C-alpha atoms as a PDB file:
ATOM      1  CA  MET A   1     -17.341  90.895  38.833  1.00  0.00           C
ATOM      2  CA  LEU A   2     -14.191  91.956  41.549  1.00  0.00           C
ATOM      3  CA  ASN A   3     -12.980  95.451  40.617  1.00  0.00           C
ATOM      4  CA  ARG A   4      -9.604  94.876  42.964  1.00  0.00           C
ATOM      5  CA  THR A   5      -7.638  92.334  44.342  1.00  0.00           C
ATOM      6  CA  LEU A   6      -9.133  90.393  46.638  1.00  0.00           C
ATOM      7  CA  ASN A   7      -6.938  89.381  50.035  1.00  0.00           C
ATOM      8  CA  VAL A   8      -7.394  85.689  51.062  1.00  0.00           C
ATOM      9  CA  LEU A   9      -5.848  84.041  54.173  1.00  0.00           C
ATOM     10  CA  SER A  10      -6.202  80.000  53.972  1.00  0.00           C
ATOM     11  CA  LEU A  11      -5.451  78.443  57.346  1.00  0.00           C
ATOM     12  CA  TYR A  12      -4.730  75.304  57.719  1.00  0.00           C
ATOM     13  CA  ASP A  13      -4.219  75.189  54.151  1.00  0.00           C
ATOM     14  CA  GLY A  14      -3.183  71.710  53.284  1.00  0.00           C
ATOM     15  CA  ILE A  15      -3.244  71.327  49.261  1.00  0.00           C
ATOM     16  CA  SER A  16      -5.007  74.456  48.825  1.00  0.00           C
ATOM     17  CA  CYS A  17      -8.473  73.392  47.749  1.00  0.00           C
ATOM     18  CA  GLY A  18      -9.196  76.940  48.773  1.00  0.00           C
ATOM     19  CA  ARG A  19      -7.147  78.564  45.789  1.00  0.00           C
ATOM     20  CA  VAL A  20      -8.751  75.163  43.710  1.00  0.00           C
ATOM     21  CA  ALA A  21     -12.057  76.732  44.470  1.00  0.00           C
ATOM     22  CA  LEU A  22     -11.560  80.226  43.856  1.00  0.00           C
ATOM     23  CA  GLU A  23     -10.630  79.998  40.339  1.00  0.00           C
ATOM     24  CA  ARG A  24     -13.366  77.552  39.493  1.00  0.00           C
ATOM     25  CA  ALA A  25     -15.727  80.060  40.970  1.00  0.00           C
ATOM     26  CA  GLY A  26     -14.291  82.384  38.494  1.00  0.00           C
ATOM     27  CA  ILE A  27     -12.205  84.508  41.138  1.00  0.00           C
ATOM     28  CA  LYS A  28      -8.715  85.012  39.421  1.00  0.00           C
ATOM     29  CA  ASN A  29      -7.410  89.019  40.989  1.00  0.00           C
ATOM     30  CA  TYR A  30      -6.378  87.345  44.350  1.00  0.00           C
ATOM     31  CA  ILE A  31      -3.391  87.321  46.665  1.00  0.00           C
ATOM     32  CA  TYR A  32      -3.399  84.156  48.315  1.00  0.00           C
ATOM     33  CA  TYR A  33      -1.607  83.554  52.289  1.00  0.00           C
ATOM     34  CA  ALA A  34      -1.304  80.281  53.232  1.00  0.00           C
ATOM     35  CA  SER A  35      -0.495  78.880  56.415  1.00  0.00           C
ATOM     36  CA  GLU A  36       0.721  75.244  56.352  1.00  0.00           C
ATOM     37  CA  VAL A  37       3.229  73.184  58.506  1.00  0.00           C
ATOM     38  CA  ASP A  38       3.196  70.080  57.046  1.00  0.00           C
ATOM     39  CA  PRO A  39       6.141  69.662  54.279  1.00  0.00           C
ATOM     40  CA  ALA A  40       4.070  67.287  51.476  1.00  0.00           C
ATOM     41  CA  ALA A  41       1.132  69.382  51.871  1.00  0.00           C
ATOM     42  CA  ILE A  42       3.295  72.246  51.256  1.00  0.00           C
ATOM     43  CA  ILE A  43       4.868  70.626  48.249  1.00  0.00           C
ATOM     44  CA  VAL A  44       2.065  69.688  46.430  1.00  0.00           C
ATOM     45  CA  ALA A  45       0.439  73.702  47.264  1.00  0.00           C
ATOM     46  CA  SER A  46       3.880  74.906  45.982  1.00  0.00           C
ATOM     47  CA  MET A  47       4.076  73.369  42.678  1.00  0.00           C
ATOM     48  CA  ARG A  48       0.524  74.010  41.889  1.00  0.00           C
ATOM     49  CA  TYR A  49       0.528  76.962  42.989  1.00  0.00           C
ATOM     50  CA  PRO A  50       3.938  78.646  43.265  1.00  0.00           C
ATOM     51  CA  ASN A  51       2.675  82.567  43.848  1.00  0.00           C
ATOM     52  CA  THR A  52       1.111  81.507  46.976  1.00  0.00           C
ATOM     53  CA  ILE A  53       2.415  83.608  50.070  1.00  0.00           C
ATOM     54  CA  ASN A  54       3.169  80.752  52.448  1.00  0.00           C
ATOM     55  CA  VAL A  55       2.996  82.239  56.355  1.00  0.00           C
ATOM     56  CA  GLY A  56       3.731  79.307  57.836  1.00  0.00           C
ATOM     57  CA  ASP A  57       2.687  78.203  61.261  1.00  0.00           C
ATOM     58  CA  VAL A  58      -0.772  79.469  62.463  1.00  0.00           C
ATOM     59  CA  THR A  59       0.173  79.501  66.143  1.00  0.00           C
ATOM     60  CA  LYS A  60       2.466  82.253  65.445  1.00  0.00           C
ATOM     61  CA  LEU A  61       0.522  84.432  63.090  1.00  0.00           C
ATOM     62  CA  ARG A  62       0.218  88.238  64.291  1.00  0.00           C
ATOM     63  CA  VAL A  63      -3.447  89.524  63.773  1.00  0.00           C
ATOM     64  CA  GLU A  64      -1.452  92.736  62.949  1.00  0.00           C
ATOM     65  CA  ASP A  65       0.285  91.251  59.842  1.00  0.00           C
ATOM     66  CA  PHE A  66      -3.286  90.349  58.240  1.00  0.00           C
ATOM     67  CA  LYS A  67      -5.224  93.527  58.892  1.00  0.00           C
ATOM     68  CA  HIS A  68      -5.982  93.767  55.335  1.00  0.00           C
ATOM     69  CA  ILE A  69      -7.163  90.227  54.836  1.00  0.00           C
ATOM     70  CA  ASP A  70     -10.971  90.253  52.689  1.00  0.00           C
ATOM     71  CA  VAL A  71     -11.850  86.730  53.603  1.00  0.00           C
ATOM     72  CA  ILE A  72     -10.327  84.039  55.975  1.00  0.00           C
ATOM     73  CA  ILE A  73     -11.263  80.488  55.105  1.00  0.00           C
ATOM     74  CA  GLY A  74      -9.841  77.137  56.479  1.00  0.00           C
ATOM     75  CA  GLY A  75     -10.529  73.383  57.538  1.00  0.00           C
ATOM     76  CA  SER A  76      -9.754  73.040  61.149  1.00  0.00           C
ATOM     77  CA  PRO A  77      -8.178  69.574  62.176  1.00  0.00           C
ATOM     78  CA  CYS A  78     -11.081  66.999  62.846  1.00  0.00           C
ATOM     79  CA  GLN A  79      -9.747  64.094  63.610  1.00  0.00           C
ATOM     80  CA  SER A  80     -10.024  64.587  67.247  1.00  0.00           C
ATOM     81  CA  VAL A  81     -13.935  65.533  66.951  1.00  0.00           C
ATOM     82  CA  SER A  82     -14.914  62.898  64.631  1.00  0.00           C
ATOM     83  CA  ARG A  83     -16.303  59.471  65.665  1.00  0.00           C
ATOM     84  CA  MET A  84     -13.213  58.075  64.407  1.00  0.00           C
ATOM     85  CA  GLY A  85     -11.008  60.237  66.607  1.00  0.00           C
ATOM     86  CA  LYS A  86     -12.635  58.618  69.960  1.00  0.00           C
ATOM     87  CA  GLY A  87     -14.288  62.296  70.817  1.00  0.00           C
ATOM     88  CA  LYS A  88     -11.262  63.477  72.400  1.00  0.00           C
ATOM     89  CA  GLY A  89     -12.374  67.289  70.769  1.00  0.00           C
ATOM     90  CA  ILE A  90     -11.434  70.845  71.966  1.00  0.00           C
ATOM     91  CA  THR A  91      -9.455  70.098  74.345  1.00  0.00           C
ATOM     92  CA  THR A  92      -6.013  69.823  76.071  1.00  0.00           C
ATOM     93  CA  LYS A  93      -3.724  66.596  76.367  1.00  0.00           C
ATOM     94  CA  LYS A  94      -5.159  66.117  79.593  1.00  0.00           C
ATOM     95  CA  GLN A  95      -8.766  66.209  78.474  1.00  0.00           C
ATOM     96  CA  LYS A  96      -9.664  69.516  79.625  1.00  0.00           C
ATOM     97  CA  ILE A  97     -12.655  70.971  77.353  1.00  0.00           C
ATOM     98  CA  ILE A  98     -11.560  74.236  75.582  1.00  0.00           C
ATOM     99  CA  LYS A  99     -15.320  76.249  75.508  1.00  0.00           C
ATOM    100  CA  THR A 100     -14.121  79.939  74.630  1.00  0.00           C
ATOM    101  CA  LEU A 101     -11.190  81.843  73.068  1.00  0.00           C
ATOM    102  CA  ASP A 102     -10.049  83.197  76.241  1.00  0.00           C
ATOM    103  CA  GLN A 103      -9.756  80.250  77.872  1.00  0.00           C
ATOM    104  CA  TYR A 104      -7.690  78.574  74.923  1.00  0.00           C
ATOM    105  CA  MET A 105      -5.338  81.824  75.141  1.00  0.00           C
ATOM    106  CA  LEU A 106      -4.518  81.592  78.876  1.00  0.00           C
ATOM    107  CA  LEU A 107      -4.058  77.713  77.952  1.00  0.00           C
ATOM    108  CA  LYS A 108      -1.787  78.302  75.444  1.00  0.00           C
ATOM    109  CA  ALA A 109       0.304  81.364  77.347  1.00  0.00           C
ATOM    110  CA  GLU A 110       0.543  78.359  80.250  1.00  0.00           C
ATOM    111  CA  ALA A 111       1.776  76.426  77.292  1.00  0.00           C
ATOM    112  CA  GLU A 112       4.717  79.012  76.465  1.00  0.00           C
ATOM    113  CA  ALA A 113       5.430  80.060  79.371  1.00  0.00           C
ATOM    114  CA  LEU A 114       6.072  75.859  80.409  1.00  0.00           C
ATOM    115  CA  GLY A 115       8.468  75.800  77.451  1.00  0.00           C
ATOM    116  CA  VAL A 116       5.975  72.999  75.924  1.00  0.00           C
ATOM    117  CA  GLU A 117       5.266  73.054  72.501  1.00  0.00           C
ATOM    118  CA  TRP A 118       1.792  72.935  70.828  1.00  0.00           C
ATOM    119  CA  ILE A 119       0.942  69.490  69.993  1.00  0.00           C
ATOM    120  CA  LYS A 120       2.009  68.161  73.424  1.00  0.00           C
ATOM    121  CA  PHE A 121      -0.648  70.767  75.453  1.00  0.00           C
ATOM    122  CA  PHE A 122      -3.535  70.421  72.900  1.00  0.00           C
ATOM    123  CA  ASN A 123      -5.268  67.955  70.833  1.00  0.00           C
ATOM    124  CA  SER A 124      -5.243  68.986  67.147  1.00  0.00           C
ATOM    125  CA  SER A 125      -8.433  70.045  67.165  1.00  0.00           C
ATOM    126  CA  ALA A 126      -8.203  72.913  69.395  1.00  0.00           C
ATOM    127  CA  LEU A 127      -6.746  74.533  66.672  1.00  0.00           C
ATOM    128  CA  TYR A 128      -9.911  75.379  65.799  1.00  0.00           C
ATOM    129  CA  TRP A 129      -9.240  78.599  68.599  1.00  0.00           C
ATOM    130  CA  GLU A 130      -6.829  80.046  66.163  1.00  0.00           C
ATOM    131  CA  PHE A 131      -9.390  80.697  63.527  1.00  0.00           C
ATOM    132  CA  VAL A 132     -11.466  82.368  65.855  1.00  0.00           C
ATOM    133  CA  ARG A 133      -8.194  84.296  67.246  1.00  0.00           C
ATOM    134  CA  LEU A 134      -7.389  85.481  64.085  1.00  0.00           C
ATOM    135  CA  TYR A 135     -10.529  85.921  62.839  1.00  0.00           C
ATOM    136  CA  GLU A 136     -11.735  88.372  65.686  1.00  0.00           C
ATOM    137  CA  GLY A 137      -8.814  89.985  65.418  1.00  0.00           C
ATOM    138  CA  ILE A 138      -8.694  90.796  61.852  1.00  0.00           C
ATOM    139  CA  LYS A 139     -12.581  91.806  62.079  1.00  0.00           C
ATOM    140  CA  ILE A 140     -11.730  94.963  64.183  1.00  0.00           C
ATOM    141  CA  TYR A 141      -9.978  96.043  61.307  1.00  0.00           C
ATOM    142  CA  ASN A 142     -12.198  94.987  59.119  1.00  0.00           C
ATOM    143  CA  PRO A 143     -15.793  94.467  59.787  1.00  0.00           C
ATOM    144  CA  ASN A 144     -16.941  93.206  56.499  1.00  0.00           C
ATOM    145  CA  LEU A 145     -14.313  90.407  56.624  1.00  0.00           C
ATOM    146  CA  LEU A 146     -15.978  87.205  55.519  1.00  0.00           C
ATOM    147  CA  PHE A 147     -15.088  84.066  56.625  1.00  0.00           C
ATOM    148  CA  PHE A 148     -15.459  80.286  55.885  1.00  0.00           C
ATOM    149  CA  LEU A 149     -15.109  77.595  57.908  1.00  0.00           C
ATOM    150  CA  GLU A 150     -15.208  73.755  57.606  1.00  0.00           C
ATOM    151  CA  ASN A 151     -15.299  70.685  59.809  1.00  0.00           C
ATOM    152  CA  VAL A 152     -17.366  67.522  60.455  1.00  0.00           C
ATOM    153  CA  THR A 153     -20.877  66.921  62.007  1.00  0.00           C
ATOM    154  CA  THR A 154     -20.630  66.105  65.196  1.00  0.00           C
ATOM    155  CA  THR A 155     -23.252  67.351  67.761  1.00  0.00           C
ATOM    156  CA  LYS A 156     -20.917  67.642  70.998  1.00  0.00           C
ATOM    157  CA  TRP A 157     -18.563  69.645  69.558  1.00  0.00           C
ATOM    158  CA  GLU A 158     -20.662  71.641  66.835  1.00  0.00           C
ATOM    159  CA  LYS A 159     -22.252  73.299  69.892  1.00  0.00           C
ATOM    160  CA  ILE A 160     -19.049  74.941  71.306  1.00  0.00           C
ATOM    161  CA  ILE A 161     -18.546  76.143  67.308  1.00  0.00           C
ATOM    162  CA  ASN A 162     -21.561  77.880  67.076  1.00  0.00           C
ATOM    163  CA  LYS A 163     -21.673  79.932  70.035  1.00  0.00           C
ATOM    164  CA  SER A 164     -18.161  80.861  69.943  1.00  0.00           C
ATOM    165  CA  ILE A 165     -18.454  81.946  66.008  1.00  0.00           C
ATOM    166  CA  GLY A 166     -21.703  83.040  66.156  1.00  0.00           C
ATOM    167  CA  ILE A 167     -23.994  80.975  63.608  1.00  0.00           C
ATOM    168  CA  LYS A 168     -24.989  77.680  63.095  1.00  0.00           C
ATOM    169  CA  PRO A 169     -23.811  75.676  60.242  1.00  0.00           C
ATOM    170  CA  ILE A 170     -24.825  74.263  56.896  1.00  0.00           C
ATOM    171  CA  MET A 171     -24.506  70.803  56.062  1.00  0.00           C
ATOM    172  CA  ILE A 172     -23.811  69.741  53.393  1.00  0.00           C
ATOM    173  CA  ASN A 173     -23.124  66.264  52.130  1.00  0.00           C
ATOM    174  CA  SER A 174     -20.691  65.845  49.062  1.00  0.00           C
ATOM    175  CA  SER A 175     -22.894  63.000  47.978  1.00  0.00           C
ATOM    176  CA  LEU A 176     -24.930  66.120  45.794  1.00  0.00           C
ATOM    177  CA  VAL A 177     -21.775  67.038  43.907  1.00  0.00           C
ATOM    178  CA  SER A 178     -19.725  63.654  43.627  1.00  0.00           C
ATOM    179  CA  ALA A 179     -19.905  59.805  44.059  1.00  0.00           C
ATOM    180  CA  GLN A 180     -18.800  60.226  48.008  1.00  0.00           C
ATOM    181  CA  ASN A 181     -20.574  60.154  50.883  1.00  0.00           C
ATOM    182  CA  ARG A 182     -19.185  62.839  53.184  1.00  0.00           C
ATOM    183  CA  GLU A 183     -21.452  65.034  55.025  1.00  0.00           C
ATOM    184  CA  ARG A 184     -19.778  68.231  56.496  1.00  0.00           C
ATOM    185  CA  ASN A 185     -20.702  71.609  58.396  1.00  0.00           C
ATOM    186  CA  TYR A 186     -20.030  74.840  56.447  1.00  0.00           C
ATOM    187  CA  TRP A 187     -19.868  78.000  59.110  1.00  0.00           C
ATOM    188  CA  THR A 188     -19.945  81.035  56.968  1.00  0.00           C
ATOM    189  CA  ASN A 189     -21.289  84.741  56.033  1.00  0.00           C
ATOM    190  CA  ILE A 190     -21.061  83.804  52.567  1.00  0.00           C
ATOM    191  CA  PRO A 191     -24.557  82.612  50.792  1.00  0.00           C
ATOM    192  CA  CYS A 192     -24.133  79.257  49.098  1.00  0.00           C
ATOM    193  CA  SER A 193     -26.004  78.806  45.407  1.00  0.00           C
ATOM    194  CA  THR A 194     -28.143  76.022  44.881  1.00  0.00           C
ATOM    195  CA  ILE A 195     -26.672  72.541  44.783  1.00  0.00           C
ATOM    196  CA  GLU A 196     -28.670  69.928  42.186  1.00  0.00           C
ATOM    197  CA  ASP A 197     -28.074  66.308  43.069  1.00  0.00           C
ATOM    198  CA  LYS A 198     -25.796  65.272  39.955  1.00  0.00           C
ATOM    199  CA  GLY A 199     -26.469  61.462  40.804  1.00  0.00           C
ATOM    200  CA  TYR A 200     -23.107  60.632  40.363  1.00  0.00           C
ATOM    201  CA  THR A 201     -22.598  56.813  41.966  1.00  0.00           C
ATOM    202  CA  ILE A 202     -19.386  55.179  42.558  1.00  0.00           C
ATOM    203  CA  GLN A 203     -19.049  53.390  39.131  1.00  0.00           C
ATOM    204  CA  ASP A 204     -18.760  57.194  37.453  1.00  0.00           C
ATOM    205  CA  VAL A 205     -15.302  57.067  39.249  1.00  0.00           C
ATOM    206  CA  ILE A 206     -14.373  53.538  39.086  1.00  0.00           C
ATOM    207  CA  PRO A 207     -15.903  52.240  36.240  1.00  0.00           C
ATOM    208  CA  GLU A 208     -14.675  48.222  37.477  1.00  0.00           C
ATOM    209  CA  ALA A 209     -16.350  49.018  40.884  1.00  0.00           C
ATOM    210  CA  PHE A 210     -19.536  47.192  41.510  1.00  0.00           C
ATOM    211  CA  ILE A 211     -20.110  48.172  44.988  1.00  0.00           C
ATOM    212  CA  ALA A 212     -18.430  50.248  47.637  1.00  0.00           C
ATOM    213  CA  ALA A 213     -17.164  48.183  50.593  1.00  0.00           C
ATOM    214  CA  GLY A 214     -15.697  49.088  54.070  1.00  0.00           C
ATOM    215  CA  ILE A 215     -14.041  46.913  56.657  1.00  0.00           C
ATOM    216  CA  ARG A 216     -15.903  47.979  60.061  1.00  0.00           C
ATOM    217  CA  GLY A 217     -16.022  46.866  63.752  1.00  0.00           C
ATOM    218  CA  ARG A 218     -19.320  45.438  64.363  1.00  0.00           C
ATOM    219  CA  LYS A 219     -20.707  43.795  67.531  1.00  0.00           C
ATOM    220  CA  ILE A 220     -22.387  40.675  66.042  1.00  0.00           C
ATOM    221  CA  ASN A 221     -24.584  40.289  68.908  1.00  0.00           C
ATOM    222  CA  PRO A 222     -25.743  42.886  71.952  1.00  0.00           C
ATOM    223  CA  ASP A 223     -23.577  41.740  74.694  1.00  0.00           C
ATOM    224  CA  ASP A 224     -20.501  41.315  72.760  1.00  0.00           C
ATOM    225  CA  LYS A 225     -17.393  42.782  74.501  1.00  0.00           C
ATOM    226  CA  LYS A 226     -15.836  42.995  71.544  1.00  0.00           C
ATOM    227  CA  TYR A 227     -15.699  43.889  67.587  1.00  0.00           C
ATOM    228  CA  THR A 228     -15.976  41.587  64.903  1.00  0.00           C
ATOM    229  CA  GLN A 229     -14.068  43.328  61.680  1.00  0.00           C
ATOM    230  CA  CYS A 230     -17.193  42.862  59.588  1.00  0.00           C
ATOM    231  CA  LEU A 231     -17.128  43.480  55.404  1.00  0.00           C
ATOM    232  CA  THR A 232     -19.740  46.093  54.761  1.00  0.00           C
ATOM    233  CA  PHE A 233     -21.524  47.199  51.386  1.00  0.00           C
ATOM    234  CA  ARG A 234     -23.312  50.823  50.552  1.00  0.00           C
ATOM    235  CA  LYS A 235     -26.506  50.683  49.298  1.00  0.00           C
ATOM    236  CA  ASP A 236     -26.769  53.985  47.552  1.00  0.00           C
ATOM    237  CA  MET A 237     -24.335  53.484  45.234  1.00  0.00           C
ATOM    238  CA  LYS A 238     -21.641  55.919  46.701  1.00  0.00           C
ATOM    239  CA  SER A 239     -18.534  55.877  48.033  1.00  0.00           C
ATOM    240  CA  ASN A 240     -17.574  55.612  52.090  1.00  0.00           C
ATOM    241  CA  CYS A 241     -16.365  59.013  52.995  1.00  0.00           C
ATOM    242  CA  VAL A 242     -12.959  59.413  51.958  1.00  0.00           C
ATOM    243  CA  VAL A 243     -10.318  59.213  54.707  1.00  0.00           C
ATOM    244  CA  THR A 244      -6.565  59.900  55.167  1.00  0.00           C
ATOM    245  CA  THR A 245      -5.940  55.752  55.909  1.00  0.00           C
ATOM    246  CA  PRO A 246      -8.505  54.101  53.335  1.00  0.00           C
ATOM    247  CA  HIS A 247      -7.208  51.078  53.347  1.00  0.00           C
ATOM    248  CA  MET A 248      -9.890  49.528  55.485  1.00  0.00           C
ATOM    249  CA  THR A 249     -12.687  51.907  54.824  1.00  0.00           C
ATOM    250  CA  ASN A 250     -12.610  53.112  51.075  1.00  0.00           C
ATOM    251  CA  LYS A 251     -12.703  49.808  49.512  1.00  0.00           C
ATOM    252  CA  TYR A 252     -14.800  48.186  46.507  1.00  0.00           C
ATOM    253  CA  ILE A 253     -16.011  44.802  45.198  1.00  0.00           C
ATOM    254  CA  SER A 254     -15.006  44.604  41.597  1.00  0.00           C
ATOM    255  CA  TYR A 255     -17.471  43.325  38.988  1.00  0.00           C
ATOM    256  CA  ASP A 256     -14.529  39.909  38.761  1.00  0.00           C
ATOM    257  CA  ALA A 257     -15.502  39.593  42.987  1.00  0.00           C
ATOM    258  CA  GLU A 258     -12.052  41.251  43.728  1.00  0.00           C
ATOM    259  CA  LEU A 259     -11.815  43.090  47.123  1.00  0.00           C
ATOM    260  CA  CYS A 260     -10.161  46.551  46.217  1.00  0.00           C
ATOM    261  CA  THR A 261      -8.862  49.819  47.319  1.00  0.00           C
ATOM    262  CA  ILE A 262      -9.775  52.859  45.832  1.00  0.00           C
ATOM    263  CA  THR A 263      -6.053  54.410  44.666  1.00  0.00           C
ATOM    264  CA  PRO A 264      -5.089  58.143  45.100  1.00  0.00           C
ATOM    265  CA  GLU A 265      -6.795  59.054  41.554  1.00  0.00           C
ATOM    266  CA  HIS A 266      -9.591  57.765  42.356  1.00  0.00           C
ATOM    267  CA  ALA A 267      -9.869  59.419  46.306  1.00  0.00           C
ATOM    268  CA  GLU A 268      -9.088  62.822  44.287  1.00  0.00           C
ATOM    269  CA  VAL A 269     -12.135  62.406  41.529  1.00  0.00           C
ATOM    270  CA  LEU A 270     -13.995  61.803  44.755  1.00  0.00           C
ATOM    271  CA  GLN A 271     -13.170  65.329  45.959  1.00  0.00           C
ATOM    272  CA  THR A 272     -14.183  66.672  43.063  1.00  0.00           C
ATOM    273  CA  ILE A 273     -10.058  67.197  42.835  1.00  0.00           C
ATOM    274  CA  ASP A 274      -8.715  66.892  39.549  1.00  0.00           C
ATOM    275  CA  PRO A 275      -6.826  63.297  38.929  1.00  0.00           C
ATOM    276  CA  GLY A 276      -3.226  63.659  39.553  1.00  0.00           C
ATOM    277  CA  TYR A 277      -3.138  67.056  41.791  1.00  0.00           C
ATOM    278  CA  THR A 278      -1.299  65.203  44.411  1.00  0.00           C
ATOM    279  CA  ASP A 279       1.160  63.220  41.891  1.00  0.00           C
ATOM    280  CA  VAL A 280       4.329  65.621  42.385  1.00  0.00           C
ATOM    281  CA  PRO A 281       7.863  64.225  42.653  1.00  0.00           C
ATOM    282  CA  GLY A 282       9.217  63.613  46.836  1.00  0.00           C
ATOM    283  CA  ILE A 283       5.323  62.632  47.506  1.00  0.00           C
ATOM    284  CA  THR A 284       4.617  58.821  48.621  1.00  0.00           C
ATOM    285  CA  ARG A 285       1.268  57.246  47.892  1.00  0.00           C
ATOM    286  CA  THR A 286       0.663  57.043  51.835  1.00  0.00           C
ATOM    287  CA  GLN A 287       1.213  60.769  52.176  1.00  0.00           C
ATOM    288  CA  ARG A 288      -1.190  61.228  49.127  1.00  0.00           C
ATOM    289  CA  TYR A 289      -3.928  59.563  50.699  1.00  0.00           C
ATOM    290  CA  ALA A 290      -3.460  61.638  53.767  1.00  0.00           C
ATOM    291  CA  MET A 291      -3.325  64.829  51.907  1.00  0.00           C
ATOM    292  CA  ILE A 292      -6.912  64.301  50.132  1.00  0.00           C
ATOM    293  CA  GLY A 293      -8.410  62.607  52.885  1.00  0.00           C
ATOM    294  CA  ASN A 294      -7.745  66.037  54.777  1.00  0.00           C
ATOM    295  CA  ALA A 295      -8.783  68.352  51.762  1.00  0.00           C
ATOM    296  CA  TRP A 296     -11.825  69.725  50.941  1.00  0.00           C
ATOM    297  CA  THR A 297     -14.677  68.640  48.415  1.00  0.00           C
ATOM    298  CA  VAL A 298     -13.807  71.408  46.155  1.00  0.00           C
ATOM    299  CA  ASP A 299     -17.148  71.561  43.637  1.00  0.00           C
ATOM    300  CA  VAL A 300     -18.991  72.193  47.467  1.00  0.00           C
ATOM    301  CA  VAL A 301     -16.530  75.017  48.337  1.00  0.00           C
ATOM    302  CA  THR A 302     -17.288  76.411  44.932  1.00  0.00           C
ATOM    303  CA  LYS A 303     -20.439  77.109  45.313  1.00  0.00           C
ATOM    304  CA  PHE A 304     -19.755  79.064  48.290  1.00  0.00           C
ATOM    305  CA  PHE A 305     -16.830  81.127  46.904  1.00  0.00           C
ATOM    306  CA  GLU A 306     -18.616  82.210  43.665  1.00  0.00           C
ATOM    307  CA  ASN A 307     -21.035  84.481  46.026  1.00  0.00           C
ATOM    308  CA  ILE A 308     -18.212  86.019  47.471  1.00  0.00           C
ATOM    309  CA  PRO A 309     -18.235  89.050  45.423  1.00  0.00           C
ATOM    310  CA  LEU A 310     -21.826  89.120  46.245  1.00  0.00           C
ATOM    311  CA  ALA A 311     -21.221  89.092  49.108  1.00  0.00           C
ATOM    312  CA  LEU A 312     -18.303  91.242  49.460  1.00  0.00           C
ATOM    313  CA  TYR A 313     -20.921  94.340  47.357  1.00  0.00           C
ATOM    314  CA  VAL A 314     -23.589  93.479  50.275  1.00  0.00           C
ATOM    315  CA  SER A 315     -21.653  93.788  53.304  1.00  0.00           C
ATOM    316  CA  HIS A 316     -20.364  96.964  52.349  1.00  0.00           C
ATOM    317  CA  ARG A 317     -23.820  98.458  52.115  1.00  0.00           C
ATOM    318  CA  ASP A 318     -24.999  97.414  55.221  1.00  0.00           C
ATOM    319  CA  LYS A 319     -28.384  95.659  53.022  1.00  0.00           C
ATOM    320  CA  VAL A 320     -28.108  92.168  54.072  1.00  0.00           C
ATOM    321  CA  LYS A 321     -26.991  90.470  56.861  1.00  0.00           C
ATOM    322  CA  PHE A 322     -26.256  87.190  55.977  1.00  0.00           C
END
């Protein structure tokens, strides 16, 4: 148990899955600072957690304002580093790879000098460097700072993250705690509890589902120049990875032989989020899908966050280095 208030800074906060995980981990005495710019995500998070302190755009946060932080968490934008994002990665719009924080800061200063908006200068995944900037800056004030970063599994860009943040990630498939196949990397100095395979299948989430399906581009023959859109099926009785636009990838065949798209409620449960969490006034179905696809699998993150008290206790006594 924590005997004091925990200060948490959540970057790219989205719908505040970090708060859900903290509470499932039994941590209740905390102050939560959320950096987010998506209006829909802010509406949902504010509805579920009205006492969140919204701090705005991550690119504008000052280290000096957060030197009291105990834990910095975030899932930096993954679209450009994922296979679906065509591998543009941690780059500028001109495809210049950003390999160090110093390089990023120089480019950021250049953009500001030119009066260019951030989004017109970098691919979204370059926002990863804002996590590093704030982590390194806050660590000067708090050498025992805990950190937790989530992103997709990708060999090329993973090497840059490993080198800049100083450790290799733990790869966990959400299939252990849910009915969804979702491999994600977790870079952290918070230990993870043992995760037992619960053996969930898509039928546990969608009783009318016979098998998970998706429409994907495939080359039928090796010499084909174009991709043919094919209906594919999973053999592990899991769903495909929950994404922001599920109409092609997240389908299932019902027992009535109908091809159906998962609902937002299905997507929430597959992410181990309470069904209806994103169903708030003013939020469209399309927005719900986008936010859920960008979210964390909460029950995986909880397995880390339940060890935050232990990690703080140990780090302050220098007994163990995680």
